[in-house]
Amino acid sequence: MLKADLFEELLATYPAEKRELARKVYSRFAEGDSTQFFTQLFIVLDIYAHYAERVPQAVIEANQSAHAKLAKLRDEINLLVQALDKRNLNITNHAERTDELCRATQAKCTEIIARFDAVL
């Protein structure tokens, strides 16, 4: 037979109005009382059926929910990656432009210094 805590977990999915009767039947069945064997067996099997109908569906729904949340998170991460790539490209472009301006400034300064030296 099942451990009591596992049976209680199964029983939690069973309609509330039937739980106490199911507990009594299960206890009698577990203790070996064969009076009304098939009635007891069908009640116990009905408890398993209620559990099987509800718990796996809840697990499926939780899995689908988690999958949807992970997909949304993946999309958000992709957007962040794209933004970082754009930012890196902008920084690279600014660095290249700054380097060009510095070289042009150095060239002009060199030219001005050369003219100044020529005048002196």
N, C-alpha and C. Protein backbone atom coordinates (compact mmCIF):
# COMPACT_ATOMS: atom_id res chain seq x y z
N MET A 1 0.84 -1.19 0.00
CA MET A 1 0.00 0.00 0.00
C MET A 1 0.88 1.25 0.00
N LEU A 2 0.26 2.37 -0.24
CA LEU A 2 0.97 3.65 -0.29
C LEU A 2 1.32 4.13 1.11
N LYS A 3 2.33 4.96 1.19
CA LYS A 3 2.61 5.64 2.45
C LYS A 3 1.48 6.62 2.71
N ALA A 4 1.20 6.89 3.97
CA ALA A 4 0.07 7.76 4.33
C ALA A 4 0.20 9.15 3.72
N ASP A 5 1.40 9.72 3.72
CA ASP A 5 1.57 11.07 3.18
C ASP A 5 1.34 11.12 1.67
N LEU A 6 1.73 10.08 0.96
CA LEU A 6 1.48 10.02 -0.48
C LEU A 6 -0.02 9.87 -0.75
N PHE A 7 -0.69 9.03 0.05
CA PHE A 7 -2.12 8.88 -0.11
C PHE A 7 -2.83 10.21 0.15
N GLU A 8 -2.39 10.96 1.16
CA GLU A 8 -3.00 12.26 1.46
C GLU A 8 -2.78 13.24 0.31
N GLU A 9 -1.62 13.16 -0.33
CA GLU A 9 -1.35 14.02 -1.49
C GLU A 9 -2.30 13.67 -2.64
N LEU A 10 -2.49 12.39 -2.86
CA LEU A 10 -3.44 11.95 -3.89
C LEU A 10 -4.85 12.39 -3.51
N LEU A 11 -5.19 12.23 -2.26
CA LEU A 11 -6.53 12.53 -1.78
C LEU A 11 -6.85 14.02 -1.87
N ALA A 12 -5.84 14.86 -1.82
CA ALA A 12 -6.05 16.32 -1.88
C ALA A 12 -6.71 16.74 -3.20
N THR A 13 -6.57 15.94 -4.24
CA THR A 13 -7.19 16.28 -5.53
C THR A 13 -8.60 15.73 -5.64
N TYR A 14 -9.01 14.94 -4.67
CA TYR A 14 -10.32 14.29 -4.68
C TYR A 14 -11.36 15.28 -4.17
N PRO A 15 -12.60 15.20 -4.63
CA PRO A 15 -13.64 16.13 -4.15
C PRO A 15 -13.74 16.10 -2.63
N ALA A 16 -13.83 17.28 -2.03
CA ALA A 16 -13.80 17.42 -0.57
C ALA A 16 -14.89 16.60 0.12
N GLU A 17 -16.06 16.55 -0.48
CA GLU A 17 -17.16 15.84 0.18
C GLU A 17 -16.96 14.33 0.21
N LYS A 18 -16.04 13.81 -0.57
CA LYS A 18 -15.80 12.36 -0.63
C LYS A 18 -14.54 11.93 0.13
N ARG A 19 -13.77 12.87 0.60
CA ARG A 19 -12.45 12.55 1.18
C ARG A 19 -12.52 11.68 2.43
N GLU A 20 -13.42 12.00 3.34
CA GLU A 20 -13.46 11.25 4.59
C GLU A 20 -13.86 9.80 4.34
N LEU A 21 -14.85 9.58 3.50
CA LEU A 21 -15.25 8.23 3.15
C LEU A 21 -14.08 7.50 2.48
N ALA A 22 -13.39 8.19 1.60
CA ALA A 22 -12.25 7.59 0.91
C ALA A 22 -11.15 7.20 1.90
N ARG A 23 -10.90 8.06 2.89
CA ARG A 23 -9.91 7.74 3.92
C ARG A 23 -10.28 6.45 4.66
N LYS A 24 -11.56 6.35 5.05
CA LYS A 24 -12.02 5.17 5.78
C LYS A 24 -11.89 3.92 4.92
N VAL A 25 -12.30 4.02 3.67
CA VAL A 25 -12.23 2.87 2.76
C VAL A 25 -10.78 2.47 2.55
N TYR A 26 -9.93 3.46 2.33
CA TYR A 26 -8.51 3.17 2.11
C TYR A 26 -7.90 2.49 3.33
N SER A 27 -8.24 3.00 4.51
CA SER A 27 -7.71 2.39 5.74
C SER A 27 -8.17 0.94 5.87
N ARG A 28 -9.44 0.70 5.63
CA ARG A 28 -9.94 -0.68 5.71
C ARG A 28 -9.27 -1.56 4.66
N PHE A 29 -9.11 -1.01 3.47
CA PHE A 29 -8.49 -1.75 2.39
C PHE A 29 -7.03 -2.06 2.74
N ALA A 30 -6.34 -1.06 3.30
CA ALA A 30 -4.93 -1.23 3.66
C ALA A 30 -4.76 -2.23 4.80
N GLU A 31 -5.75 -2.31 5.67
CA GLU A 31 -5.66 -3.22 6.81
C GLU A 31 -6.11 -4.63 6.46
N GLY A 32 -6.54 -4.85 5.23
CA GLY A 32 -6.86 -6.19 4.79
C GLY A 32 -8.31 -6.59 4.93
N ASP A 33 -9.21 -5.66 5.25
CA ASP A 33 -10.64 -5.97 5.34
C ASP A 33 -11.18 -6.17 3.93
N SER A 34 -11.59 -7.39 3.58
CA SER A 34 -12.03 -7.68 2.22
C SER A 34 -13.54 -7.55 2.04
N THR A 35 -14.25 -7.07 3.05
CA THR A 35 -15.68 -6.84 2.91
C THR A 35 -15.88 -5.75 1.86
N GLN A 36 -16.77 -5.98 0.97
CA GLN A 36 -17.04 -5.03 -0.12
C GLN A 36 -15.75 -4.66 -0.85
N PHE A 37 -14.99 -5.66 -1.19
CA PHE A 37 -13.69 -5.49 -1.82
C PHE A 37 -13.76 -4.61 -3.06
N PHE A 38 -14.68 -4.91 -3.95
CA PHE A 38 -14.72 -4.17 -5.21
C PHE A 38 -15.16 -2.72 -5.02
N THR A 39 -16.08 -2.48 -4.10
CA THR A 39 -16.49 -1.10 -3.80
C THR A 39 -15.29 -0.31 -3.29
N GLN A 40 -14.56 -0.92 -2.38
CA GLN A 40 -13.37 -0.26 -1.84
C GLN A 40 -12.33 -0.03 -2.94
N LEU A 41 -12.14 -1.04 -3.75
CA LEU A 41 -11.15 -0.93 -4.82
C LEU A 41 -11.52 0.18 -5.78
N PHE A 42 -12.80 0.26 -6.16
CA PHE A 42 -13.22 1.31 -7.10
C PHE A 42 -13.07 2.71 -6.51
N ILE A 43 -13.33 2.84 -5.22
CA ILE A 43 -13.14 4.16 -4.60
C ILE A 43 -11.66 4.54 -4.63
N VAL A 44 -10.80 3.60 -4.27
CA VAL A 44 -9.36 3.88 -4.29
C VAL A 44 -8.90 4.21 -5.72
N LEU A 45 -9.38 3.44 -6.68
CA LEU A 45 -9.02 3.72 -8.07
C LEU A 45 -9.56 5.06 -8.54
N ASP A 46 -10.73 5.44 -8.06
CA ASP A 46 -11.31 6.74 -8.39
C ASP A 46 -10.44 7.87 -7.85
N ILE A 47 -9.88 7.67 -6.66
CA ILE A 47 -8.97 8.67 -6.10
C ILE A 47 -7.76 8.83 -7.01
N TYR A 48 -7.17 7.74 -7.45
CA TYR A 48 -6.03 7.81 -8.37
C TYR A 48 -6.41 8.53 -9.66
N ALA A 49 -7.62 8.24 -10.17
CA ALA A 49 -8.07 8.87 -11.41
C ALA A 49 -8.20 10.39 -11.25
N HIS A 50 -8.77 10.83 -10.12
CA HIS A 50 -8.87 12.27 -9.89
C HIS A 50 -7.49 12.91 -9.81
N TYR A 51 -6.57 12.24 -9.16
CA TYR A 51 -5.20 12.74 -9.06
C TYR A 51 -4.58 12.84 -10.45
N ALA A 52 -4.73 11.79 -11.23
CA ALA A 52 -4.13 11.74 -12.56
C ALA A 52 -4.73 12.79 -13.49
N GLU A 53 -6.00 13.13 -13.30
CA GLU A 53 -6.64 14.15 -14.14
C GLU A 53 -6.14 15.54 -13.82
N ARG A 54 -5.87 15.82 -12.56
CA ARG A 54 -5.59 17.19 -12.15
C ARG A 54 -4.11 17.52 -12.04
N VAL A 55 -3.35 16.67 -11.40
CA VAL A 55 -1.95 16.99 -11.14
C VAL A 55 -1.11 17.07 -12.42
N PRO A 56 -1.17 16.08 -13.31
CA PRO A 56 -0.37 16.22 -14.53
C PRO A 56 -0.75 17.45 -15.35
N GLN A 57 -2.04 17.80 -15.38
CA GLN A 57 -2.45 19.00 -16.11
C GLN A 57 -1.84 20.24 -15.48
N ALA A 58 -1.80 20.28 -14.15
CA ALA A 58 -1.19 21.42 -13.46
C ALA A 58 0.30 21.50 -13.79
N VAL A 59 0.95 20.35 -13.87
CA VAL A 59 2.38 20.34 -14.22
C VAL A 59 2.58 20.82 -15.65
N ILE A 60 1.72 20.39 -16.56
CA ILE A 60 1.81 20.82 -17.96
C ILE A 60 1.61 22.33 -18.05
N GLU A 61 0.61 22.84 -17.35
CA GLU A 61 0.35 24.29 -17.37
C GLU A 61 1.53 25.07 -16.79
N ALA A 62 2.10 24.58 -15.71
CA ALA A 62 3.26 25.25 -15.11
C ALA A 62 4.44 25.23 -16.07
N ASN A 63 4.63 24.11 -16.77
CA ASN A 63 5.71 24.00 -17.73
C ASN A 63 5.50 24.98 -18.89
N GLN A 64 4.28 25.08 -19.38
CA GLN A 64 3.98 26.00 -20.47
C GLN A 64 4.21 27.44 -20.03
N SER A 65 3.80 27.74 -18.82
CA SER A 65 4.00 29.09 -18.29
C SER A 65 5.48 29.41 -18.17
N ALA A 66 6.25 28.47 -17.64
CA ALA A 66 7.69 28.67 -17.50
C ALA A 66 8.34 28.82 -18.88
N HIS A 67 7.90 28.03 -19.84
CA HIS A 67 8.44 28.11 -21.20
C HIS A 67 8.16 29.49 -21.81
N ALA A 68 6.94 29.99 -21.62
CA ALA A 68 6.58 31.31 -22.14
C ALA A 68 7.42 32.41 -21.49
N LYS A 69 7.62 32.29 -20.18
CA LYS A 69 8.43 33.30 -19.48
C LYS A 69 9.88 33.25 -19.94
N LEU A 70 10.41 32.04 -20.16
CA LEU A 70 11.79 31.92 -20.65
C LEU A 70 11.92 32.47 -22.06
N ALA A 71 10.92 32.26 -22.90
CA ALA A 71 10.96 32.80 -24.26
C ALA A 71 10.95 34.33 -24.22
N LYS A 72 10.12 34.90 -23.33
CA LYS A 72 10.07 36.36 -23.19
C LYS A 72 11.42 36.88 -22.68
N LEU A 73 11.99 36.20 -21.71
CA LEU A 73 13.30 36.60 -21.18
C LEU A 73 14.37 36.52 -22.25
N ARG A 74 14.33 35.45 -23.07
CA ARG A 74 15.30 35.30 -24.16
C ARG A 74 15.17 36.46 -25.15
N ASP A 75 13.93 36.87 -25.46
CA ASP A 75 13.71 38.00 -26.36
C ASP A 75 14.26 39.30 -25.77
N GLU A 76 14.04 39.49 -24.48
CA GLU A 76 14.56 40.69 -23.82
C GLU A 76 16.09 40.70 -23.82
N ILE A 77 16.69 39.55 -23.59
CA ILE A 77 18.16 39.46 -23.62
C ILE A 77 18.67 39.76 -25.02
N ASN A 78 17.99 39.25 -26.05
CA ASN A 78 18.39 39.55 -27.43
C ASN A 78 18.31 41.04 -27.72
N LEU A 79 17.28 41.71 -27.21
CA LEU A 79 17.18 43.16 -27.39
C LEU A 79 18.34 43.88 -26.71
N LEU A 80 18.69 43.42 -25.51
CA LEU A 80 19.84 44.02 -24.80
C LEU A 80 21.14 43.80 -25.57
N VAL A 81 21.31 42.62 -26.13
CA VAL A 81 22.51 42.32 -26.91
C VAL A 81 22.59 43.23 -28.13
N GLN A 82 21.45 43.41 -28.80
CA GLN A 82 21.43 44.30 -29.97
C GLN A 82 21.77 45.73 -29.58
N ALA A 83 21.22 46.19 -28.45
CA ALA A 83 21.51 47.55 -27.98
C ALA A 83 23.00 47.69 -27.65
N LEU A 84 23.58 46.67 -27.01
CA LEU A 84 25.01 46.72 -26.69
C LEU A 84 25.86 46.72 -27.96
N ASP A 85 25.45 45.92 -28.95
CA ASP A 85 26.19 45.90 -30.22
C ASP A 85 26.15 47.28 -30.89
N LYS A 86 24.98 47.92 -30.88
CA LYS A 86 24.86 49.27 -31.46
C LYS A 86 25.75 50.25 -30.71
N ARG A 87 25.72 50.14 -29.38
CA ARG A 87 26.52 51.05 -28.56
C ARG A 87 28.01 50.84 -28.83
N ASN A 88 28.42 49.60 -28.92
CA ASN A 88 29.83 49.32 -29.21
C ASN A 88 30.22 49.87 -30.58
N LEU A 89 29.33 49.73 -31.56
CA LEU A 89 29.59 50.26 -32.90
C LEU A 89 29.71 51.77 -32.85
N ASN A 90 28.80 52.43 -32.11
CA ASN A 90 28.86 53.89 -31.97
C ASN A 90 30.16 54.32 -31.30
N ILE A 91 30.55 53.61 -30.26
CA ILE A 91 31.81 53.95 -29.57
C ILE A 91 32.98 53.78 -30.52
N THR A 92 32.98 52.69 -31.28
CA THR A 92 34.06 52.45 -32.24
C THR A 92 34.10 53.55 -33.29
N ASN A 93 32.92 53.91 -33.82
CA ASN A 93 32.87 54.98 -34.83
C ASN A 93 33.35 56.30 -34.25
N HIS A 94 32.95 56.62 -33.02
CA HIS A 94 33.40 57.86 -32.39
C HIS A 94 34.91 57.82 -32.16
N ALA A 95 35.42 56.68 -31.76
CA ALA A 95 36.87 56.57 -31.53
C ALA A 95 37.63 56.77 -32.83
N GLU A 96 37.14 56.20 -33.92
CA GLU A 96 37.80 56.37 -35.22
C GLU A 96 37.74 57.82 -35.66
N ARG A 97 36.58 58.45 -35.49
CA ARG A 97 36.43 59.86 -35.88
C ARG A 97 37.33 60.75 -35.02
N THR A 98 37.39 60.47 -33.72
CA THR A 98 38.26 61.24 -32.82
C THR A 98 39.72 61.08 -33.23
N ASP A 99 40.10 59.85 -33.57
CA ASP A 99 41.47 59.59 -34.02
C ASP A 99 41.77 60.38 -35.29
N GLU A 100 40.85 60.42 -36.24
CA GLU A 100 41.04 61.18 -37.48
C GLU A 100 41.21 62.66 -37.17
N LEU A 101 40.36 63.20 -36.29
CA LEU A 101 40.45 64.61 -35.93
C LEU A 101 41.77 64.93 -35.24
N CYS A 102 42.23 64.02 -34.36
CA CYS A 102 43.51 64.22 -33.68
C CYS A 102 44.66 64.24 -34.68
N ARG A 103 44.65 63.32 -35.62
CA ARG A 103 45.71 63.29 -36.65
C ARG A 103 45.69 64.55 -37.52
N ALA A 104 44.48 64.99 -37.88
CA ALA A 104 44.37 66.22 -38.68
C ALA A 104 44.88 67.42 -37.88
N THR A 105 44.53 67.47 -36.59
CA THR A 105 44.99 68.55 -35.73
C THR A 105 46.51 68.52 -35.58
N GLN A 106 47.08 67.32 -35.39
CA GLN A 106 48.53 67.19 -35.28
C GLN A 106 49.21 67.65 -36.57
N ALA A 107 48.62 67.29 -37.70
CA ALA A 107 49.20 67.69 -38.99
C ALA A 107 49.17 69.20 -39.13
N LYS A 108 48.05 69.84 -38.77
CA LYS A 108 47.96 71.30 -38.85
C LYS A 108 48.93 71.97 -37.90
N CYS A 109 49.03 71.42 -36.68
CA CYS A 109 49.97 71.98 -35.70
C CYS A 109 51.40 71.88 -36.23
N THR A 110 51.73 70.74 -36.82
CA THR A 110 53.07 70.56 -37.39
C THR A 110 53.31 71.57 -38.50
N GLU A 111 52.29 71.77 -39.33
CA GLU A 111 52.40 72.75 -40.43
C GLU A 111 52.57 74.16 -39.89
N ILE A 112 51.80 74.53 -38.88
CA ILE A 112 51.88 75.88 -38.29
C ILE A 112 53.24 76.06 -37.64
N ILE A 113 53.74 75.04 -36.93
CA ILE A 113 55.05 75.15 -36.30
C ILE A 113 56.14 75.30 -37.36
N ALA A 114 56.01 74.56 -38.46
CA ALA A 114 56.99 74.67 -39.54
C ALA A 114 56.97 76.06 -40.12
N ARG A 115 55.81 76.67 -40.33
CA ARG A 115 55.71 78.03 -40.87
C ARG A 115 56.29 79.03 -39.87
N PHE A 116 55.98 78.82 -38.61
CA PHE A 116 56.47 79.70 -37.56
C PHE A 116 58.00 79.65 -37.50
N ASP A 117 58.57 78.42 -37.62
CA ASP A 117 60.02 78.28 -37.61
C ASP A 117 60.64 78.93 -38.85
N ALA A 118 59.92 78.84 -39.96
CA ALA A 118 60.44 79.45 -41.20
C ALA A 118 60.46 80.96 -41.08
N VAL A 119 59.50 81.55 -40.39
CA VAL A 119 59.44 83.00 -40.23
C VAL A 119 60.53 83.45 -39.29
N LEU A 120 60.86 82.71 -38.32
CA LEU A 120 61.89 83.11 -37.35
C LEU A 120 63.22 82.88 -37.95
